[in-house]
N, C-alpha and C. Protein backbone atom coordinates (compact mmCIF):
# COMPACT_ATOMS: atom_id res chain seq x y z
N UNK A 1 -0.59 -40.30 -25.01
CA UNK A 1 -0.56 -38.74 -25.75
C UNK A 1 0.15 -38.44 -26.35
N UNK A 2 -0.14 -37.37 -26.94
CA UNK A 2 1.16 -36.55 -27.76
C UNK A 2 2.41 -36.09 -27.14
N UNK A 3 2.07 -35.13 -25.65
CA UNK A 3 3.38 -34.77 -25.27
C UNK A 3 4.16 -36.46 -25.08
N UNK A 4 3.66 -37.61 -24.18
CA UNK A 4 4.75 -38.24 -24.17
C UNK A 4 5.32 -39.06 -25.45
N UNK A 5 4.80 -38.94 -26.29
CA UNK A 5 5.37 -39.73 -27.77
C UNK A 5 6.25 -38.48 -28.20
N UNK A 6 6.21 -37.27 -28.04
CA UNK A 6 7.00 -36.69 -28.67
C UNK A 6 8.35 -35.71 -27.87
N UNK A 7 8.24 -35.90 -26.54
CA UNK A 7 8.98 -36.02 -25.57
C UNK A 7 10.09 -35.93 -26.15
N UNK A 8 11.43 -35.12 -25.60
CA UNK A 8 12.50 -35.29 -25.77
C UNK A 8 12.80 -35.90 -24.80
N UNK A 9 12.63 -36.10 -24.19
CA UNK A 9 12.92 -36.90 -22.75
C UNK A 9 12.29 -37.33 -21.31
N UNK A 10 11.90 -37.65 -20.61
CA UNK A 10 10.82 -38.30 -20.17
C UNK A 10 12.08 -38.61 -18.31
N UNK A 11 11.33 -37.47 -16.94
CA UNK A 11 11.73 -37.87 -16.55
C UNK A 11 10.51 -38.81 -14.91
N UNK A 12 10.79 -39.22 -14.32
CA UNK A 12 10.03 -40.16 -13.41
C UNK A 12 10.91 -39.86 -11.77
N UNK A 13 10.21 -39.54 -11.01
CA UNK A 13 10.98 -39.11 -9.68
C UNK A 13 9.96 -38.37 -8.60
N UNK A 14 10.44 -38.63 -7.36
CA UNK A 14 9.94 -37.34 -6.73
C UNK A 14 10.65 -36.09 -6.85
N UNK A 15 10.07 -34.80 -6.31
CA UNK A 15 9.78 -33.45 -6.39
C UNK A 15 11.11 -33.55 -5.53
N UNK A 16 11.83 -32.91 -5.50
CA UNK A 16 12.90 -32.43 -4.39
C UNK A 16 12.55 -31.22 -4.05
N UNK A 17 12.06 -30.38 -5.10
CA UNK A 17 12.25 -29.02 -4.29
C UNK A 17 11.34 -28.57 -5.31
N UNK A 18 10.21 -27.56 -4.29
CA UNK A 18 9.26 -26.44 -5.13
C UNK A 18 9.69 -25.54 -4.94
N UNK A 19 10.03 -24.86 -6.82
CA UNK A 19 10.92 -23.23 -6.43
C UNK A 19 9.47 -22.61 -6.47
N UNK A 20 8.38 -22.55 -7.49
CA UNK A 20 7.36 -21.43 -7.30
C UNK A 20 5.83 -21.99 -7.99
N UNK A 21 4.96 -22.44 -8.11
CA UNK A 21 4.16 -22.64 -9.28
C UNK A 21 4.42 -23.08 -10.31
N UNK A 22 5.23 -22.63 -10.77
CA UNK A 22 5.44 -23.43 -11.97
C UNK A 22 7.10 -24.03 -12.44
N UNK A 23 7.47 -24.45 -11.52
CA UNK A 23 8.70 -24.45 -11.54
C UNK A 23 9.00 -25.64 -10.17
N UNK A 24 9.86 -26.97 -10.53
CA UNK A 24 10.15 -27.73 -9.38
C UNK A 24 11.23 -28.25 -9.66
N UNK A 25 11.62 -29.01 -9.24
CA UNK A 25 12.98 -30.17 -9.23
C UNK A 25 12.64 -31.19 -8.89
N UNK A 26 13.11 -31.80 -10.04
CA UNK A 26 12.74 -33.60 -10.26
C UNK A 26 13.81 -34.13 -10.38
N UNK A 27 14.42 -35.02 -8.88
CA UNK A 27 15.80 -35.60 -8.63
C UNK A 27 16.63 -34.10 -9.21
N UNK A 28 16.28 -33.56 -8.56
CA UNK A 28 17.54 -32.26 -8.86
C UNK A 28 17.78 -31.56 -10.40
N UNK A 29 16.89 -31.81 -10.88
CA UNK A 29 16.67 -31.52 -12.73
C UNK A 29 15.57 -30.22 -12.41
N UNK A 30 15.76 -28.69 -12.98
CA UNK A 30 14.80 -27.94 -12.11
C UNK A 30 13.49 -28.04 -13.80
N UNK A 31 12.76 -28.17 -13.22
CA UNK A 31 12.10 -27.89 -14.73
C UNK A 31 11.04 -26.95 -14.39
N UNK A 32 10.61 -26.21 -15.43
CA UNK A 32 9.75 -25.07 -15.61
C UNK A 32 8.55 -25.97 -16.44
N UNK A 33 7.29 -25.35 -16.05
CA UNK A 33 5.87 -25.65 -16.90
C UNK A 33 5.97 -24.84 -17.72
N UNK A 34 5.93 -25.89 -19.57
CA UNK A 34 5.62 -24.88 -20.48
C UNK A 34 4.41 -24.14 -20.31
N UNK A 35 3.74 -23.51 -20.94
CA UNK A 35 2.58 -22.50 -21.09
C UNK A 35 1.75 -22.51 -19.60
N UNK A 36 2.84 -22.85 -18.88
CA UNK A 36 1.98 -21.84 -17.03
C UNK A 36 2.58 -20.77 -16.88
N UNK A 37 1.76 -19.84 -16.20
CA UNK A 37 2.19 -18.32 -15.84
C UNK A 37 1.88 -18.48 -14.42
N UNK A 38 2.45 -18.77 -12.81
CA UNK A 38 2.16 -18.31 -11.99
C UNK A 38 2.55 -16.84 -11.34
N UNK A 39 1.92 -16.93 -10.72
CA UNK A 39 2.46 -15.12 -9.72
C UNK A 39 3.81 -15.04 -9.20
N UNK A 40 4.58 -14.39 -8.87
CA UNK A 40 5.91 -14.48 -8.68
C UNK A 40 5.83 -14.88 -7.08
N UNK A 41 6.98 -15.47 -6.82
CA UNK A 41 6.54 -15.89 -5.23
C UNK A 41 6.85 -15.02 -4.21
N UNK A 42 7.08 -13.86 -4.52
CA UNK A 42 7.33 -12.45 -3.48
C UNK A 42 6.12 -12.09 -3.31
N UNK A 43 5.15 -12.50 -3.83
CA UNK A 43 3.72 -12.18 -3.47
C UNK A 43 2.01 -12.90 -3.21
N UNK A 44 1.50 -12.84 -2.61
CA UNK A 44 0.43 -13.30 -1.64
C UNK A 44 -0.22 -15.10 -2.56
N UNK A 45 -0.78 -14.63 -3.99
CA UNK A 45 -0.83 -15.32 -4.84
C UNK A 45 0.19 -16.02 -4.94
N UNK A 46 1.47 -15.55 -5.68
CA UNK A 46 2.65 -16.83 -6.00
C UNK A 46 3.06 -17.50 -4.86
N UNK A 47 2.80 -17.02 -3.28
CA UNK A 47 2.82 -17.73 -2.40
C UNK A 47 1.79 -19.21 -1.95
N UNK A 48 0.99 -18.69 -2.29
CA UNK A 48 -0.83 -19.43 -2.59
C UNK A 48 -0.19 -20.56 -3.48
N UNK A 49 0.14 -20.26 -4.87
CA UNK A 49 0.49 -21.30 -5.46
C UNK A 49 1.36 -22.02 -5.02
N UNK A 50 2.55 -21.69 -4.98
CA UNK A 50 3.45 -22.71 -4.52
C UNK A 50 3.24 -23.65 -3.47
N UNK A 51 2.39 -22.96 -2.59
CA UNK A 51 1.54 -23.96 -1.36
C UNK A 51 0.75 -25.23 -1.72
N UNK A 52 0.23 -24.67 -3.24
CA UNK A 52 -0.71 -25.58 -3.52
C UNK A 52 0.07 -26.89 -4.46
N UNK A 53 0.92 -26.25 -4.79
CA UNK A 53 1.58 -27.26 -5.99
C UNK A 53 2.80 -28.14 -4.98
N UNK A 54 3.51 -28.10 -3.58
CA UNK A 54 3.69 -28.45 -2.63
C UNK A 54 2.71 -29.84 -2.40
N UNK A 55 1.81 -29.26 -1.67
CA UNK A 55 0.68 -30.27 -1.36
C UNK A 55 0.31 -31.15 -2.70
N UNK A 56 0.02 -30.84 -3.53
CA UNK A 56 -0.56 -31.97 -4.87
C UNK A 56 1.21 -32.97 -5.12
N UNK A 57 2.07 -32.36 -4.56
CA UNK A 57 3.12 -33.15 -4.91
C UNK A 57 3.57 -34.46 -3.84
N UNK A 58 3.26 -33.62 -2.74
CA UNK A 58 3.63 -34.14 -1.69
C UNK A 58 3.30 -35.65 -1.24
N UNK A 59 4.70 -36.59 -1.54
CA UNK A 59 4.81 -38.30 -1.72
C UNK A 59 4.48 -38.72 -2.77
N UNK A 60 4.20 -38.07 -3.76
CA UNK A 60 4.64 -38.37 -4.94
C UNK A 60 5.45 -38.55 -5.94
N UNK A 61 4.80 -39.70 -7.02
CA UNK A 61 6.25 -39.80 -7.88
C UNK A 61 5.39 -39.29 -9.19
N UNK A 62 6.23 -38.49 -9.67
CA UNK A 62 5.85 -37.44 -10.69
C UNK A 62 6.65 -37.69 -11.50
N UNK A 63 5.83 -37.88 -12.91
CA UNK A 63 6.67 -38.09 -14.38
C UNK A 63 6.34 -36.62 -15.39
N UNK A 64 7.51 -36.52 -16.14
CA UNK A 64 8.20 -35.33 -16.61
C UNK A 64 8.11 -35.36 -18.06
N UNK A 65 7.21 -34.57 -18.86
CA UNK A 65 7.90 -34.87 -20.04
C UNK A 65 8.29 -33.88 -20.58
N UNK A 66 9.87 -33.86 -20.86
CA UNK A 66 10.63 -32.59 -21.34
C UNK A 66 10.45 -32.50 -22.87
N UNK A 67 10.48 -31.00 -23.27
CA UNK A 67 10.43 -31.21 -24.44
C UNK A 67 11.80 -30.39 -25.40
N UNK A 68 12.76 -30.67 -24.86
CA UNK A 68 14.03 -30.32 -25.42
C UNK A 68 14.32 -28.69 -25.41
N UNK A 69 13.62 -28.06 -24.95
CA UNK A 69 14.03 -26.88 -24.67
C UNK A 69 14.49 -26.32 -23.03
N UNK A 70 15.09 -24.56 -23.46
CA UNK A 70 15.44 -24.67 -21.85
C UNK A 70 14.65 -23.17 -21.67
N UNK A 71 14.72 -23.21 -20.41
CA UNK A 71 14.49 -21.49 -20.09
C UNK A 71 15.64 -21.13 -18.65
N UNK A 72 16.66 -20.47 -18.80
CA UNK A 72 17.90 -19.99 -18.52
C UNK A 72 18.53 -21.11 -17.64
N UNK A 73 18.13 -21.96 -16.25
CA UNK A 73 18.43 -22.73 -15.89
C UNK A 73 17.96 -24.20 -15.87
N UNK A 74 16.70 -23.67 -16.09
CA UNK A 74 15.28 -24.56 -16.38
C UNK A 74 14.65 -26.08 -17.38
N UNK A 75 14.91 -27.00 -17.66
CA UNK A 75 14.16 -27.71 -18.69
C UNK A 75 12.81 -27.49 -18.64
N UNK A 76 12.38 -27.59 -20.46
CA UNK A 76 10.94 -27.07 -20.04
C UNK A 76 10.00 -28.25 -20.23
N UNK A 77 8.79 -28.65 -20.33
CA UNK A 77 7.99 -29.64 -20.17
C UNK A 77 6.92 -29.87 -19.43
N UNK A 78 6.18 -30.63 -19.37
CA UNK A 78 4.35 -31.23 -18.39
C UNK A 78 5.11 -31.55 -17.96
N UNK A 79 4.31 -32.18 -16.97
CA UNK A 79 4.24 -33.17 -15.51
C UNK A 79 3.10 -33.68 -15.07
N UNK A 80 3.05 -35.12 -14.81
CA UNK A 80 1.58 -35.35 -14.59
C UNK A 80 2.13 -36.68 -13.62
N UNK A 81 1.04 -36.26 -12.25
CA UNK A 81 1.20 -37.37 -11.16
C UNK A 81 1.17 -38.54 -11.27
N UNK A 82 1.10 -39.45 -10.51
CA UNK A 82 0.87 -40.86 -10.62
C UNK A 82 -0.26 -41.63 -11.06
N UNK A 83 -1.47 -40.70 -10.99
CA UNK A 83 -2.75 -40.32 -11.35
C UNK A 83 -3.15 -39.98 -12.73
N UNK A 84 -2.00 -39.74 -13.44
CA UNK A 84 -2.33 -38.86 -14.57
C UNK A 84 -2.67 -37.51 -14.40
N UNK A 85 -3.05 -36.95 -13.81
CA UNK A 85 -3.59 -35.07 -13.99
C UNK A 85 -2.06 -34.96 -14.09
N UNK A 86 -2.73 -33.85 -14.68
CA UNK A 86 -1.69 -32.72 -15.03
C UNK A 86 -1.32 -31.61 -14.52
N UNK A 87 -0.41 -31.66 -13.92
CA UNK A 87 0.30 -30.30 -12.56
C UNK A 87 -0.42 -29.20 -13.37
N UNK A 88 0.29 -28.95 -14.70
CA UNK A 88 -0.27 -27.57 -14.82
C UNK A 88 -1.67 -27.42 -15.08
N UNK A 89 -2.64 -28.00 -15.48
CA UNK A 89 -3.96 -28.29 -15.54
C UNK A 89 -4.22 -27.86 -14.28
N UNK A 90 -4.53 -28.69 -13.48
CA UNK A 90 -5.03 -28.57 -12.19
C UNK A 90 -4.40 -26.87 -11.68
N UNK A 91 -3.55 -26.49 -11.87
CA UNK A 91 -3.02 -25.04 -11.32
C UNK A 91 -3.58 -24.32 -11.96
N UNK A 92 -4.20 -24.36 -12.67
CA UNK A 92 -5.02 -23.33 -13.91
C UNK A 92 -6.26 -23.67 -13.81
N UNK A 93 -7.03 -24.63 -13.43
CA UNK A 93 -8.35 -25.39 -12.83
C UNK A 93 -8.99 -24.71 -11.72
N UNK A 94 -7.91 -24.59 -10.77
CA UNK A 94 -7.81 -23.79 -9.05
C UNK A 94 -8.01 -22.44 -9.39
N UNK A 95 -7.18 -22.06 -10.61
CA UNK A 95 -7.42 -20.26 -10.55
C UNK A 95 -5.97 -19.72 -10.20
N UNK A 96 -5.11 -20.34 -9.39
CA UNK A 96 -3.66 -19.90 -9.22
C UNK A 96 -3.04 -19.59 -10.16
N UNK A 97 -2.76 -20.33 -11.25
CA UNK A 97 -2.12 -20.23 -12.57
C UNK A 97 -3.00 -19.46 -13.70
N UNK A 98 -1.89 -19.20 -14.56
CA UNK A 98 -3.06 -19.24 -16.56
C UNK A 98 -2.06 -18.85 -17.12
N UNK A 99 -2.43 -20.03 -18.30
CA UNK A 99 -1.85 -20.49 -19.18
C UNK A 99 -1.47 -19.10 -19.94
N UNK A 100 -0.25 -19.20 -20.50
CA UNK A 100 1.29 -18.63 -21.23
C UNK A 100 1.01 -18.91 -22.23
N UNK A 101 0.69 -17.96 -23.63
CA UNK A 101 1.12 -18.37 -24.55
C UNK A 101 2.24 -17.93 -25.10
């Protein structure tokens, strides 16, 4: 895939923390999903998105391809579950988040 071929850095580990629907910590490294926008955590929709992310990553090893950019303290990238499914795409497909242009 193009994402892995053009990534600046690749991390593979278990998620150590879910901050919200579009930000996780992988091995203590905060990662913001590029092109994904989820509701804020202080809303019911934001709580649902964060909880769904927790369910998706539970017990999983996640692979994240980082693009070299940062947003605040977070690295920007895309992450996939061990079966190859893209976490951001799942969140959009399930209507919990939307694509950020």
